[in-house]
Protein backbone atom coordinates (compact mmCIF):
# COMPACT_ATOMS: atom_id res chain seq x y z
CA MET A 1 80.26 182.26 110.85
CA THR A 2 82.76 180.48 114.14
CA LEU A 3 84.74 177.41 114.02
CA PRO A 4 82.35 174.05 113.62
CA THR A 5 81.64 172.34 116.94
CA GLU A 6 79.98 169.61 116.96
CA PRO A 7 78.73 166.98 120.05
CA ILE A 8 80.71 163.22 120.24
CA GLY A 9 76.93 161.76 120.94
CA SER A 10 75.77 160.17 124.12
CA VAL A 11 74.64 161.67 127.23
CA PRO A 12 74.31 160.28 130.68
CA ARG A 13 70.47 158.85 130.35
CA PRO A 14 68.34 160.01 133.23
CA GLN A 15 67.48 158.50 136.04
CA ALA A 16 63.34 157.55 135.77
CA LEU A 17 64.60 155.98 131.92
CA ILE A 18 68.24 153.70 133.52
CA ASP A 19 65.20 152.34 136.64
CA GLY A 20 62.86 152.15 133.51
CA MET A 21 65.37 150.06 131.75
CA GLN A 22 66.31 147.91 134.41
CA ALA A 23 62.84 147.07 135.39
CA ALA A 24 62.11 146.60 131.89
CA ALA A 25 64.95 143.53 131.48
CA ALA A 26 63.28 142.28 134.68
CA GLY A 27 59.47 141.76 133.52
CA ARG A 28 57.94 144.43 135.65
CA ILE A 29 56.87 147.75 133.32
CA SER A 30 55.54 146.98 129.63
CA ALA A 31 57.57 147.35 126.41
CA GLY A 32 55.00 150.65 126.09
CA GLN A 33 56.19 151.83 129.17
CA LEU A 34 59.29 151.93 128.31
CA ASP A 35 59.12 153.84 125.37
CA ALA A 36 57.46 156.16 126.64
CA LEU A 37 60.46 156.94 129.63
CA TYR A 38 62.74 156.92 126.28
CA ASP A 39 60.35 159.14 124.61
CA ASP A 40 60.92 161.69 127.87
CA ALA A 41 64.93 161.58 127.94
CA VAL A 42 64.78 161.77 124.02
CA ARG A 43 62.79 165.42 123.80
CA ASP A 44 64.96 166.33 127.19
CA THR A 45 67.95 166.50 125.47
CA LEU A 46 67.23 167.59 122.15
CA ARG A 47 66.05 170.49 124.69
CA ARG A 48 69.03 170.57 126.65
CA PHE A 49 71.34 170.28 123.71
CA GLU A 50 69.05 173.68 122.21
CA GLU A 51 69.71 175.81 125.46
CA THR A 52 74.02 175.08 124.86
CA GLY A 53 73.85 177.00 121.42
CA SER A 54 75.33 173.93 120.08
CA PRO A 55 74.57 174.39 115.92
CA VAL A 56 75.07 170.67 115.60
CA ILE A 57 73.29 168.30 118.32
CA THR A 58 72.13 164.58 118.86
CA ASP A 59 69.81 162.58 120.72
CA GLY A 60 72.06 161.11 123.34
CA GLU A 61 71.55 157.89 122.35
CA GLN A 62 69.33 157.87 124.79
CA ARG A 63 67.46 154.34 123.36
CA LYS A 64 70.92 152.82 122.77
CA PRO A 65 71.73 150.19 125.54
CA SER A 66 75.52 150.92 124.96
CA PHE A 67 76.91 152.56 121.46
CA ALA A 68 78.83 149.46 120.82
CA THR A 69 75.88 146.74 121.26
CA TYR A 70 73.10 148.42 119.70
CA PRO A 71 72.90 146.69 116.21
CA VAL A 72 72.67 143.05 117.90
CA ALA A 73 70.45 143.50 121.11
CA GLY A 74 67.89 141.20 120.46
CA LEU A 75 69.51 138.56 118.69
CA ARG A 76 70.40 135.34 119.63
CA LEU A 77 74.20 136.01 121.26
CA ALA A 78 76.36 134.02 123.28
CA SER A 79 77.55 136.07 126.46
CA SER A 80 80.87 133.90 127.05
CA GLY A 81 84.05 134.08 124.77
CA GLY A 82 83.18 137.64 123.74
CA VAL A 83 86.69 140.38 124.00
CA THR A 84 87.21 141.70 126.79
CA ILE A 85 87.97 145.63 126.89
CA PRO A 86 89.95 146.01 130.22
CA PHE A 87 90.22 149.91 131.92
CA GLU A 88 92.48 151.28 133.97
CA ASP A 89 90.24 151.40 136.81
CA GLY A 90 89.80 147.61 136.45
CA HIS A 91 86.24 146.96 135.34
CA THR A 92 85.99 145.33 132.39
CA ARG A 93 82.89 145.13 129.66
CA ARG A 94 82.89 142.03 127.27
CA LEU A 95 81.13 142.08 123.83
CA PRO A 96 78.78 139.86 123.07
CA VAL A 97 79.40 137.03 120.32
CA LEU A 98 77.21 135.65 117.63
CA THR A 99 75.61 132.70 117.05
CA GLU A 100 73.77 132.48 114.00
CA SER A 101 73.74 133.47 110.28
CA PRO A 102 73.01 135.10 108.16
CA PHE A 103 73.81 138.47 110.03
CA ARG A 104 71.54 141.43 109.81
CA TYR A 105 71.65 144.33 112.42
CA ALA A 106 69.11 144.05 114.70
CA THR A 107 68.37 147.77 114.80
CA LYS A 108 70.40 150.49 112.43
CA ALA A 109 70.56 153.95 114.14
CA TYR A 110 68.53 155.54 111.51
CA GLU A 111 65.66 154.41 113.69
CA TYR A 112 67.03 156.05 116.06
CA LEU A 113 66.85 159.60 114.19
CA ASP A 114 63.17 158.49 113.25
CA ALA A 115 62.00 158.69 117.25
CA ALA A 116 64.31 162.00 117.37
CA ARG A 117 62.90 164.04 113.95
CA GLY A 118 59.95 165.80 114.80
CA LYS A 119 61.33 167.02 118.12
CA THR A 120 63.90 169.93 117.46
CA SER A 121 64.27 171.87 113.95
CA VAL A 122 68.63 171.72 114.94
CA PRO A 123 70.24 169.76 112.37
CA LEU A 124 71.09 166.19 114.05
CA LYS A 125 74.15 164.07 114.05
CA GLN A 126 73.67 160.33 114.67
CA ALA A 127 76.31 157.84 115.69
CA VAL A 128 76.65 154.65 114.74
CA ILE A 129 79.66 151.78 115.79
CA ALA A 130 82.36 150.73 113.16
CA ALA A 131 81.84 147.70 111.30
CA SER A 132 85.46 146.73 112.79
CA ALA A 133 83.26 146.53 116.62
CA VAL A 134 80.87 144.65 115.18
CA SER A 135 83.40 142.34 113.08
CA LEU A 136 85.02 140.95 116.39
CA MET A 137 81.61 139.46 117.20
CA TYR A 138 82.22 136.82 114.83
CA PRO A 139 83.26 134.03 116.71
CA GLY A 140 86.95 132.69 116.77
CA ASP A 141 86.60 129.04 116.23
CA GLY A 142 83.85 130.69 113.34
CA ILE A 143 79.77 129.17 112.64
CA ASP A 144 78.80 126.61 110.69
CA GLY A 145 78.28 126.71 107.27
CA TYR A 146 79.04 130.84 107.34
CA PRO A 147 82.50 131.72 107.44
CA ARG A 148 84.35 134.72 108.22
CA GLU A 149 84.53 135.73 104.97
CA ALA A 150 80.60 135.40 104.34
CA PHE A 151 80.24 137.48 107.84
CA LEU A 152 82.29 140.12 106.76
CA ASP A 153 80.35 140.56 103.24
CA ASP A 154 76.62 140.67 105.41
CA LEU A 155 78.54 143.16 107.62
CA VAL A 156 79.63 145.72 105.34
CA ALA A 157 75.79 146.11 103.56
CA GLU A 158 74.50 146.37 106.47
CA ALA A 159 76.73 148.85 107.99
CA ALA A 160 76.74 150.61 104.66
CA SER A 161 72.98 150.99 104.39
CA GLU A 162 72.88 151.99 108.20
CA ILE A 163 75.04 155.07 107.16
CA ARG A 164 72.88 155.71 103.91
CA GLY A 165 69.67 155.00 105.70
CA CYS A 166 71.09 158.16 108.39
CA LEU A 167 71.78 160.21 105.37
CA GLU A 168 68.40 160.00 103.53
CA ARG A 169 67.22 161.56 106.87
CA GLY A 170 68.77 164.38 106.42
CA ALA A 171 71.21 163.76 109.46
CA SER A 172 74.90 163.76 109.54
CA VAL A 173 77.08 160.45 110.56
CA GLN A 174 79.98 159.74 112.73
CA ILE A 175 82.04 156.29 112.79
CA ASP A 176 82.32 155.34 116.25
CA PHE A 177 86.23 153.82 116.26
CA THR A 178 87.46 153.26 119.73
CA GLU A 179 88.91 150.39 118.79
CA GLY A 180 91.15 151.68 117.10
CA ARG A 181 93.47 152.39 119.51
CA LEU A 182 92.78 149.67 121.48
CA SER A 183 93.58 147.44 118.64
CA LEU A 184 97.55 147.97 119.05
CA LYS A 185 97.66 147.04 122.47
CA LEU A 186 95.97 143.71 121.49
CA ASP A 187 98.52 144.06 118.59
CA PRO A 188 101.33 146.38 118.98
CA SER A 189 102.48 145.41 115.28
CA GLY A 190 99.71 147.38 113.65
CA GLY A 191 98.04 144.89 111.51
CA LEU A 192 94.84 144.42 112.94
CA LEU A 193 94.66 148.34 113.00
CA ASN A 194 95.06 148.25 109.16
CA SER A 195 93.01 145.58 108.55
CA PHE A 196 90.03 147.46 110.74
CA VAL A 197 90.94 150.55 108.53
CA ASP A 198 90.57 148.44 104.86
CA LEU A 199 87.34 146.90 106.57
CA ASN A 200 85.80 150.27 107.42
CA ASN A 201 86.95 151.92 103.89
CA ARG A 202 84.96 148.54 102.32
CA VAL A 203 81.89 150.11 104.11
CA LEU A 204 82.47 153.82 103.00
CA ALA A 205 83.50 152.83 98.96
CA GLU A 206 79.47 151.46 98.93
CA LEU A 207 78.90 155.43 99.71
CA THR A 208 78.58 158.30 96.51
CA ASP A 209 81.51 161.14 97.09
CA GLU A 210 78.76 163.64 98.19
CA GLU A 211 77.71 160.69 100.90
CA ARG A 212 81.25 160.27 102.52
CA SER A 213 81.15 163.83 102.51
CA ARG A 214 78.53 164.08 105.16
CA VAL A 215 80.52 161.28 107.01
CA GLY A 216 83.31 161.39 109.60
CA VAL A 217 85.00 159.19 112.35
CA HIS A 218 85.36 159.18 115.75
CA SER A 219 88.71 158.02 118.21
CA CYS A 220 89.19 157.88 121.26
CA PRO A 221 91.41 156.01 123.98
CA GLY A 222 87.57 154.96 125.31
CA GLY A 223 85.62 156.34 127.97
CA ASP A 224 83.35 154.82 130.80
CA LYS A 225 83.31 155.11 134.49
CA ASP A 226 85.32 158.24 134.59
CA SER A 227 88.25 155.23 132.76
CA THR A 228 89.77 154.86 129.76
CA HIS A 229 90.88 151.40 128.06
CA SER A 230 93.78 152.82 125.47
CA ALA A 231 95.20 156.06 126.67
CA ASP A 232 98.96 154.69 127.54
CA VAL A 233 98.79 153.74 123.73
CA ASP A 234 100.96 156.34 121.86
CA TYR A 235 98.40 158.50 119.27
CA ALA A 236 101.58 158.80 116.89
CA GLY A 237 100.77 154.36 116.22
CA LEU A 238 96.97 155.02 115.13
CA LEU A 239 96.67 158.69 113.54
CA PRO A 240 98.41 157.71 110.22
CA ALA A 241 96.75 154.71 110.00
CA LEU A 242 92.90 156.20 111.01
CA PHE A 243 93.84 159.38 108.36
CA ARG A 244 93.66 156.40 105.93
CA MET A 245 90.00 156.69 106.54
CA ASN A 246 87.76 157.91 103.89
CA VAL A 247 86.39 160.53 105.37
CA HIS A 248 86.13 164.10 105.46
CA ASP A 249 86.08 165.07 108.70
CA PHE A 250 88.39 163.98 111.98
CA PHE A 251 86.96 163.68 116.00
CA VAL A 252 89.59 163.23 117.73
CA GLU A 253 90.31 163.47 122.00
CA LEU A 254 92.58 165.56 122.72
CA ALA A 255 91.78 167.58 126.06
CA GLY A 256 92.52 164.25 128.37
CA GLU A 257 95.99 163.86 126.46
CA ALA A 258 99.30 164.38 128.46
CA ASP A 259 101.04 165.91 125.73
CA PRO A 260 98.41 167.62 123.34
CA GLU A 261 101.71 169.80 122.24
CA ARG A 262 102.53 166.98 120.56
CA VAL A 263 99.37 165.22 119.51
CA LEU A 264 98.53 168.71 117.63
CA GLU A 265 102.09 168.53 115.52
CA ILE A 266 101.14 164.96 114.30
CA LEU A 267 97.10 166.26 113.48
CA GLY A 268 98.81 169.48 111.78
CA GLU A 269 100.38 166.67 109.36
CA HIS A 270 97.48 164.92 108.32
CA ALA A 271 94.80 168.73 108.84
CA THR A 272 95.31 168.81 104.62
CA GLY A 273 93.51 168.74 100.90
CA ASP A 274 89.58 168.73 102.29
CA ARG A 275 89.96 167.17 105.86
CA ARG A 276 88.73 168.95 109.04
CA VAL A 277 90.07 167.79 112.43
CA PHE A 278 87.75 168.78 115.03
CA VAL A 279 89.58 168.45 118.18
CA GLY A 280 88.25 167.45 121.66
CA VAL A 281 88.94 170.56 124.13
CA VAL A 282 86.00 169.23 126.86
CA ASP A 283 87.33 166.13 128.70
CA PRO A 284 84.22 164.24 129.37
CA ILE A 285 85.48 161.73 132.17
CA ASP A 286 87.59 164.82 134.10
CA PRO A 287 84.96 165.97 136.91
CA ARG A 288 86.59 169.70 136.55
CA MET A 289 84.89 171.95 134.80
CA GLU A 290 86.05 173.90 131.63
CA THR A 291 85.07 177.21 131.86
CA PRO A 292 84.56 178.86 127.99
CA GLU A 293 88.15 180.57 128.68
CA ILE A 294 89.73 177.09 129.17
CA VAL A 295 88.00 175.88 125.95
CA ARG A 296 89.48 179.16 124.22
CA ASP A 297 93.02 178.28 124.97
CA ARG A 298 92.99 174.97 124.01
CA VAL A 299 91.54 176.05 120.44
CA LEU A 300 94.03 178.51 120.00
CA ALA A 301 97.23 176.03 120.81
CA ALA A 302 95.23 173.78 117.99
CA ALA A 303 94.82 176.58 115.42
CA ARG A 304 99.15 177.04 115.72
CA HIS A 305 99.37 173.58 114.22
CA ILE A 306 95.92 173.65 111.99
CA ASP A 307 95.11 176.24 110.23
CA PRO A 308 91.34 177.28 110.65
CA GLU A 309 89.68 176.34 107.97
CA HIS A 310 90.37 172.63 108.63
CA LEU A 311 89.74 173.35 112.39
CA GLY A 312 86.85 172.07 114.72
CA THR A 313 85.91 171.24 118.28
CA THR A 314 83.97 168.63 120.19
CA ASP A 315 84.13 166.37 123.33
CA ASP A 316 86.93 163.83 123.92
CA CYS A 317 84.46 161.05 123.75
CA GLY A 318 81.04 160.25 124.93
CA PHE A 319 79.73 161.14 128.35
CA SER A 320 77.61 157.80 128.76
CA PRO A 321 78.55 155.78 126.12
CA PHE A 322 77.39 152.78 127.95
CA GLY A 323 73.66 152.94 129.60
CA ASP A 324 74.36 151.78 132.86
CA ASP A 325 77.28 154.18 133.31
CA THR A 326 75.91 156.93 135.77
CA SER A 327 79.64 158.30 136.62
CA THR A 328 78.45 161.65 134.67
CA SER A 329 75.56 163.59 135.71
CA ARG A 330 73.75 165.01 133.34
CA ASP A 331 74.44 168.69 134.65
CA THR A 332 77.58 168.12 134.26
CA ALA A 333 77.50 167.15 130.63
CA PHE A 334 75.22 169.87 129.08
CA ALA A 335 77.80 172.37 131.10
CA LYS A 336 80.65 171.42 129.73
CA ILE A 337 79.00 171.06 126.34
CA ARG A 338 77.78 174.61 126.93
CA ALA A 339 82.07 175.38 127.63
CA ARG A 340 82.66 174.08 124.58
CA VAL A 341 80.47 175.97 122.41
CA GLU A 342 81.00 179.49 124.00
CA GLY A 343 84.95 179.01 124.24
CA THR A 344 84.75 177.54 120.48
CA ALA A 345 82.74 181.20 120.06
CA LEU A 346 85.27 183.27 122.39
CA ALA A 347 88.34 181.69 119.56
CA SER A 348 87.10 182.42 116.72
CA GLU A 349 86.62 186.32 117.74
CA GLU A 350 90.18 185.97 118.43
CA LEU A 351 91.50 184.46 115.16
CA GLY A 352 88.94 186.73 113.49
CA ILE A 353 86.89 183.95 111.68
């Protein structure tokens, strides 16, 4: 046995798939032709994940338009008026706005599992977007005859159904909660953050204890086109609220932190009970390649603050959360994943695990 190690989710799409997605949007290829490209990308992603030795793998989110908007892709949406997410390098991403009621997911993440199962024998993990992120898509001026409270009731039911469907298919589930740290930029008082946690806990309350034991939450300062949206927000403001979420596993960005030792001190205080903290040991947006030895040393540093019985390793973030992000190559992503797997094994050996 070694320390557990898991990916976050996305890896860069093959260029053929990116070209195909653009061609399909322009009407130049059929839906069937695009689906064949998705199948090829998923099959290749699973194969390359297996070759890294990772004990848990994902489909790389190859079929998602983005980690955040896949549930609403295909719904009637407004492209203006949505929350704008500014990144450090100056580019932005804008969330769409819902226009219709009642709210239902257009796509649930277990559909991606259905497309991946049978292509690998390695345990699969499925990332799902947090209900709190989807809640930001409700228009500020409301929807006639559909108050926000009714929308949130529907959202909780849809999010819980999605998670349960993934679990029923044998996958573990990771809730992507990147808006957690960002919320402290939008509302430094922490009120928005705490409302997000409360909403996500409403979803988790719909699950059984056994189901929740297979669910984790991921938090990071964003990662898009080699830039972040909230790395300047103090982790100390996020972590106490994050650990209020009623899950077993916590996947936290660490390799890209300016002062990882300080963050580890805080994490060590919260790694209690049956919780396990998966610390980021490779940085997807850093072009420098981590070696297994660098990863080993990062794990050993974490083990000085977190009991190895409560410790795991992961990537800081997905490698391509948005479908059009080509800032990192597939080769680089899988090389970093392999370094994480091998470095975790080296650290486990030194720790006597």
